[in-house]
Amino acid sequence: MDLKGEVNLAVAYDGIVELDDPGFALNDLKLRVDELGVVGNVKPYTVNDLGRRHDVHIDFYGVPPGKKNGLESGVADDPNHDPRYVFLGTGRRDEVLAEKLGWEYHDFYEVAEEEGWE
C-alpha cells in the first residue's frame, strides 16, 4: 500500500484485532505514517492497551467510542498541515463513512493480504 508523503492513517479496531500478530501490522504502519489511529466501538483504554501491549504509540482514537468520532479526531487542527487521510476499514459502512468525512478508503482485509499480515 502506498503511504508516501504526509499521511494520517486510521485502522479499524475490528480488523486489526483479528490478525494473529496485530503488533507486527501496527509497528509496520507506524513507521510509514505521520499519525496512526485505531478507531472502533471500543473504549479509549482498550485502544491504549492494544498500543501498549505491542509497544506502539496510538495517536488518535474515538472519544466517545466510534469510528466516526475516531476519524474526526484524526483530522489535523493546524491549517498549514494538510496530510492525506487514509482509513483501513472493514466493510461497506466504513467505506461510506470515509467518503462522507473525506477520508480515502481501503479495505483492511485486502491491504492485510497485500502486506502479508496474517
Protein backbone atom coordinates (compact mmCIF):
# COMPACT_ATOMS: atom_id res chain seq x y z
CA MET A 1 0.00 0.00 0.00
CA ASP A 2 1.35 3.39 -1.00
CA LEU A 3 1.73 5.57 2.10
CA LYS A 4 4.15 8.14 0.69
CA GLY A 5 4.02 11.72 1.83
CA GLU A 6 2.34 13.05 4.91
CA VAL A 7 -0.35 10.56 5.99
CA ASN A 8 -2.81 10.29 8.86
CA LEU A 9 -3.91 6.66 8.91
CA ALA A 10 -6.87 5.20 10.77
CA VAL A 11 -7.20 1.43 11.19
CA ALA A 12 -10.47 -0.27 12.12
CA TYR A 13 -10.14 -1.92 15.53
CA ASP A 14 -12.34 -4.83 14.46
CA GLY A 15 -9.88 -5.64 11.66
CA ILE A 16 -6.56 -5.23 13.45
CA VAL A 17 -7.53 -7.46 16.40
CA GLU A 18 -8.39 -10.33 14.02
CA LEU A 19 -4.76 -10.66 12.97
CA ASP A 20 -2.54 -13.32 14.54
CA ASP A 21 0.05 -10.60 15.23
CA PRO A 22 -1.58 -7.16 15.36
CA GLY A 23 1.65 -5.73 16.76
CA PHE A 24 3.55 -6.53 13.57
CA ALA A 25 0.99 -4.67 11.44
CA LEU A 26 0.75 -1.71 13.84
CA ASN A 27 4.54 -1.33 14.00
CA ASP A 28 4.82 -1.60 10.23
CA LEU A 29 2.20 1.11 9.76
CA LYS A 30 3.55 3.39 12.48
CA LEU A 31 6.91 3.51 10.71
CA ARG A 32 5.24 4.59 7.45
CA VAL A 33 2.79 7.30 8.56
CA ASP A 34 2.80 10.56 10.48
CA GLU A 35 -0.23 9.83 12.66
CA LEU A 36 -1.70 6.39 13.43
CA GLY A 37 -5.16 5.91 14.83
CA VAL A 38 -7.20 2.89 15.79
CA VAL A 39 -10.93 3.52 15.58
CA GLY A 40 -13.95 1.49 16.52
CA ASN A 41 -16.72 0.99 19.00
CA VAL A 42 -14.33 0.35 21.87
CA LYS A 43 -13.30 2.39 24.89
CA PRO A 44 -10.15 4.52 24.61
CA TYR A 45 -8.38 2.43 27.27
CA THR A 46 -8.89 -0.65 25.06
CA VAL A 47 -7.07 1.08 22.20
CA ASN A 48 -4.35 2.33 24.54
CA ASP A 49 -3.91 -1.19 25.94
CA LEU A 50 -3.55 -2.55 22.40
CA GLY A 51 -0.83 0.00 21.65
CA ARG A 52 0.94 -0.54 24.96
CA ARG A 53 0.85 -4.33 24.58
CA HIS A 54 2.61 -4.02 21.21
CA ASP A 55 4.80 -1.01 22.07
CA VAL A 56 3.15 1.26 19.51
CA HIS A 57 2.02 4.81 20.26
CA ILE A 58 -1.54 5.32 19.03
CA ASP A 59 -2.00 8.98 18.09
CA PHE A 60 -5.80 9.13 17.92
CA TYR A 61 -8.96 7.14 18.60
CA GLY A 62 -12.66 7.79 19.12
CA VAL A 63 -13.84 9.70 22.19
CA PRO A 64 -16.64 8.84 22.76
CA PRO A 65 -16.07 5.43 21.15
CA GLY A 66 -16.96 5.08 17.50
CA LYS A 67 -15.36 5.08 14.09
CA LYS A 68 -16.87 8.43 13.14
CA ASN A 69 -15.51 10.09 16.29
CA GLY A 70 -12.12 8.47 15.70
CA LEU A 71 -11.89 9.73 12.13
CA GLU A 72 -12.89 13.20 13.25
CA SER A 73 -10.15 13.06 15.93
CA GLY A 74 -7.57 12.20 13.28
CA VAL A 75 -8.07 15.39 11.29
CA ALA A 76 -5.29 17.94 11.78
CA ASP A 77 -6.22 21.16 13.59
CA ASP A 78 -3.35 23.08 12.00
CA PRO A 79 -4.47 24.79 8.76
CA ASN A 80 -0.87 24.58 7.46
CA HIS A 81 -0.86 20.82 7.98
CA ASP A 82 -2.73 19.06 5.18
CA PRO A 83 -1.93 15.34 5.22
CA ARG A 84 -3.53 12.62 3.19
CA TYR A 85 -6.25 10.91 5.26
CA VAL A 86 -6.43 7.13 4.80
CA PHE A 87 -8.85 4.76 6.53
CA LEU A 88 -8.38 0.98 6.54
CA GLY A 89 -11.95 -0.12 7.17
CA THR A 90 -13.74 -3.43 7.30
CA GLY A 91 -16.82 -3.06 5.15
CA ARG A 92 -19.26 -1.04 3.12
CA ARG A 93 -20.41 1.04 6.12
CA ASP A 94 -16.81 2.08 6.74
CA GLU A 95 -16.41 2.97 3.08
CA VAL A 96 -19.50 5.19 3.17
CA LEU A 97 -18.31 6.82 6.40
CA ALA A 98 -14.86 7.52 4.93
CA GLU A 99 -16.38 9.08 1.83
CA LYS A 100 -18.72 11.22 3.92
CA LEU A 101 -15.84 12.52 6.09
CA GLY A 102 -13.35 13.00 3.25
CA TRP A 103 -11.04 10.07 4.02
CA GLU A 104 -9.52 7.79 1.38
CA TYR A 105 -10.87 4.28 1.97
CA HIS A 106 -9.03 0.97 1.60
CA ASP A 107 -10.36 -2.43 2.60
CA PHE A 108 -8.43 -3.65 5.64
CA TYR A 109 -8.52 -7.30 4.60
CA GLU A 110 -7.19 -6.59 1.10
CA VAL A 111 -4.37 -4.46 2.50
CA ALA A 112 -3.56 -7.13 5.11
CA GLU A 113 -3.24 -9.71 2.34
CA GLU A 114 -1.07 -7.39 0.18
CA GLU A 115 1.21 -6.58 3.13
CA GLY A 116 1.49 -10.20 4.31
CA TRP A 117 -0.15 -9.65 7.69
CA GLU A 118 -1.76 -12.86 8.94
